[in-house]
Amino acid sequence: MIEVIASILDAEKKADEIVKSSVEKSKAVKQTADIDGEKIKNGTVAVFKLHRASALKEAEKRASVEYDKILAEGKTSAEKILSESADKIDYFADKIVKSITG
């Protein structure tokens, strides 16, 4: 019983870690994209002043796509762990109920 609970807690911890890691990676990607966008803007202001807005939008789109990808991967991993944990909970809950009720 304790092992099951420990397994469930471990799975929940891993799921939280995956989500946190995904968020951190997403922030880093967003920050990198913002920095890249800023470099593009600063390097092209004199010559391409009219193109600045589109360059920044493109950098934000790339960051958003990468952010969504990382977040989706983390969510998929977290859902898998949660699903695996749920199966264990149901199985052992049934065993406990059967052992109590006979």
C-alpha atoms as a PDB file:
ATOM      1  CA  MET A   1       0.000   0.000   0.000  1.00  0.00           C
ATOM      2  CA  ILE A   2       2.786   2.382   0.955  1.00  0.00           C
ATOM      3  CA  GLU A   3       4.638   1.449  -2.222  1.00  0.00           C
ATOM      4  CA  VAL A   4       1.557   2.262  -4.288  1.00  0.00           C
ATOM      5  CA  ILE A   5       1.162   5.623  -2.627  1.00  0.00           C
ATOM      6  CA  ALA A   6       4.879   6.295  -3.035  1.00  0.00           C
ATOM      7  CA  SER A   7       4.609   5.308  -6.699  1.00  0.00           C
ATOM      8  CA  ILE A   8       1.658   7.619  -7.185  1.00  0.00           C
ATOM      9  CA  LEU A   9       3.393  10.489  -5.413  1.00  0.00           C
ATOM     10  CA  ASP A  10       6.499   9.856  -7.472  1.00  0.00           C
ATOM     11  CA  ALA A  11       4.472   9.887 -10.674  1.00  0.00           C
ATOM     12  CA  GLU A  12       2.787  13.126  -9.645  1.00  0.00           C
ATOM     13  CA  LYS A  13       6.175  14.624  -8.781  1.00  0.00           C
ATOM     14  CA  LYS A  14       7.554  13.567 -12.174  1.00  0.00           C
ATOM     15  CA  ALA A  15       4.533  15.062 -13.905  1.00  0.00           C
ATOM     16  CA  ASP A  16       5.030  18.337 -12.046  1.00  0.00           C
ATOM     17  CA  GLU A  17       8.724  18.302 -12.942  1.00  0.00           C
ATOM     18  CA  ILE A  18       7.941  17.715 -16.616  1.00  0.00           C
ATOM     19  CA  VAL A  19       5.459  20.580 -16.673  1.00  0.00           C
ATOM     20  CA  LYS A  20       7.867  22.891 -14.806  1.00  0.00           C
ATOM     21  CA  SER A  21      10.694  21.910 -17.127  1.00  0.00           C
ATOM     22  CA  SER A  22       8.514  22.538 -20.164  1.00  0.00           C
ATOM     23  CA  VAL A  23       7.520  25.956 -18.862  1.00  0.00           C
ATOM     24  CA  GLU A  24      11.154  26.825 -18.136  1.00  0.00           C
ATOM     25  CA  LYS A  25      12.242  25.663 -21.585  1.00  0.00           C
ATOM     26  CA  SER A  26       9.400  27.629 -23.121  1.00  0.00           C
ATOM     27  CA  LYS A  27      10.439  30.765 -21.244  1.00  0.00           C
ATOM     28  CA  ALA A  28      14.029  30.304 -22.422  1.00  0.00           C
ATOM     29  CA  VAL A  29      12.870  29.892 -26.021  1.00  0.00           C
ATOM     30  CA  LYS A  30      10.654  32.967 -25.695  1.00  0.00           C
ATOM     31  CA  GLN A  31      13.520  34.934 -24.165  1.00  0.00           C
ATOM     32  CA  THR A  32      15.871  33.834 -26.935  1.00  0.00           C
ATOM     33  CA  ALA A  33      13.294  34.790 -29.538  1.00  0.00           C
ATOM     34  CA  ASP A  34      12.807  38.172 -27.875  1.00  0.00           C
ATOM     35  CA  ILE A  35      16.561  38.724 -27.875  1.00  0.00           C
ATOM     36  CA  ASP A  36      16.789  37.641 -31.512  1.00  0.00           C
ATOM     37  CA  GLY A  37      13.904  39.962 -32.349  1.00  0.00           C
ATOM     38  CA  GLU A  38      15.650  42.813 -30.573  1.00  0.00           C
ATOM     39  CA  LYS A  39      18.880  42.128 -32.501  1.00  0.00           C
ATOM     40  CA  ILE A  40      16.970  42.060 -35.772  1.00  0.00           C
ATOM     41  CA  LYS A  41      15.270  45.321 -34.881  1.00  0.00           C
ATOM     42  CA  ASN A  42      18.477  47.096 -33.818  1.00  0.00           C
ATOM     43  CA  GLY A  43      20.436  45.872 -36.837  1.00  0.00           C
ATOM     44  CA  THR A  44      17.845  46.893 -39.386  1.00  0.00           C
ATOM     45  CA  VAL A  45      16.354  50.115 -38.011  1.00  0.00           C
ATOM     46  CA  ALA A  46      18.392  52.442 -40.214  1.00  0.00           C
ATOM     47  CA  VAL A  47      17.991  50.484 -43.436  1.00  0.00           C
ATOM     48  CA  PHE A  48      14.777  48.566 -42.972  1.00  0.00           C
ATOM     49  CA  LYS A  49      12.742  50.716 -40.591  1.00  0.00           C
ATOM     50  CA  LEU A  50       9.496  49.764 -42.292  1.00  0.00           C
ATOM     51  CA  HIS A  51      10.261  46.030 -41.998  1.00  0.00           C
ATOM     52  CA  ARG A  52      10.869  46.046 -38.238  1.00  0.00           C
ATOM     53  CA  ALA A  53       7.331  45.130 -37.208  1.00  0.00           C
ATOM     54  CA  SER A  54       7.152  42.122 -39.499  1.00  0.00           C
ATOM     55  CA  ALA A  55      10.541  40.838 -38.320  1.00  0.00           C
ATOM     56  CA  LEU A  56       9.436  41.033 -34.690  1.00  0.00           C
ATOM     57  CA  LYS A  57       6.165  39.318 -35.502  1.00  0.00           C
ATOM     58  CA  GLU A  58       8.032  36.485 -37.204  1.00  0.00           C
ATOM     59  CA  ALA A  59      10.322  36.031 -34.188  1.00  0.00           C
ATOM     60  CA  GLU A  60       7.302  35.920 -31.895  1.00  0.00           C
ATOM     61  CA  LYS A  61       5.612  33.353 -34.140  1.00  0.00           C
ATOM     62  CA  ARG A  62       8.700  31.113 -34.062  1.00  0.00           C
ATOM     63  CA  ALA A  63       8.903  31.438 -30.297  1.00  0.00           C
ATOM     64  CA  SER A  64       5.201  30.728 -29.959  1.00  0.00           C
ATOM     65  CA  VAL A  65       5.423  27.616 -32.141  1.00  0.00           C
ATOM     66  CA  GLU A  66       8.403  26.307 -30.166  1.00  0.00           C
ATOM     67  CA  TYR A  67       6.707  27.189 -26.868  1.00  0.00           C
ATOM     68  CA  ASP A  68       3.556  25.332 -27.910  1.00  0.00           C
ATOM     69  CA  LYS A  69       5.616  22.339 -29.045  1.00  0.00           C
ATOM     70  CA  ILE A  70       7.530  22.088 -25.767  1.00  0.00           C
ATOM     71  CA  LEU A  71       4.399  22.619 -23.729  1.00  0.00           C
ATOM     72  CA  ALA A  72       2.548  19.932 -25.707  1.00  0.00           C
ATOM     73  CA  GLU A  73       5.394  17.459 -25.182  1.00  0.00           C
ATOM     74  CA  GLY A  74       5.361  18.153 -21.452  1.00  0.00           C
ATOM     75  CA  LYS A  75       1.603  17.852 -21.306  1.00  0.00           C
ATOM     76  CA  THR A  76       1.694  14.537 -23.165  1.00  0.00           C
ATOM     77  CA  SER A  77       4.322  13.181 -20.789  1.00  0.00           C
ATOM     78  CA  ALA A  78       2.423  14.421 -17.752  1.00  0.00           C
ATOM     79  CA  GLU A  79      -0.838  12.909 -19.004  1.00  0.00           C
ATOM     80  CA  LYS A  80       0.887   9.583 -19.635  1.00  0.00           C
ATOM     81  CA  ILE A  81       2.277   9.498 -16.108  1.00  0.00           C
ATOM     82  CA  LEU A  82      -1.055  10.536 -14.669  1.00  0.00           C
ATOM     83  CA  SER A  83      -2.844   7.870 -16.710  1.00  0.00           C
ATOM     84  CA  GLU A  84      -0.430   5.197 -15.549  1.00  0.00           C
ATOM     85  CA  SER A  85      -0.900   6.339 -11.956  1.00  0.00           C
ATOM     86  CA  ALA A  86      -4.674   6.333 -12.260  1.00  0.00           C
ATOM     87  CA  ASP A  87      -4.665   2.702 -13.361  1.00  0.00           C
ATOM     88  CA  LYS A  88      -2.657   1.747 -10.306  1.00  0.00           C
ATOM     89  CA  ILE A  89      -4.966   3.677  -7.999  1.00  0.00           C
ATOM     90  CA  ASP A  90      -8.077   1.983  -9.380  1.00  0.00           C
ATOM     91  CA  TYR A  91      -6.512  -1.479  -9.206  1.00  0.00           C
ATOM     92  CA  PHE A  92      -5.365  -1.156  -5.620  1.00  0.00           C
ATOM     93  CA  ALA A  93      -8.511   0.654  -4.516  1.00  0.00           C
ATOM     94  CA  ASP A  94     -10.526  -2.299  -5.804  1.00  0.00           C
ATOM     95  CA  LYS A  95      -8.259  -4.727  -3.949  1.00  0.00           C
ATOM     96  CA  ILE A  96      -8.692  -2.753  -0.713  1.00  0.00           C
ATOM     97  CA  VAL A  97     -12.449  -2.572  -1.077  1.00  0.00           C
ATOM     98  CA  LYS A  98     -12.619  -6.327  -1.800  1.00  0.00           C
ATOM     99  CA  SER A  99     -10.428  -7.105   1.190  1.00  0.00           C
ATOM    100  CA  ILE A 100     -12.669  -5.011   3.457  1.00  0.00           C
ATOM    101  CA  THR A 101     -16.010  -6.140   2.067  1.00  0.00           C
ATOM    102  CA  GLY A 102     -14.993  -9.705   1.465  1.00  0.00           C
END
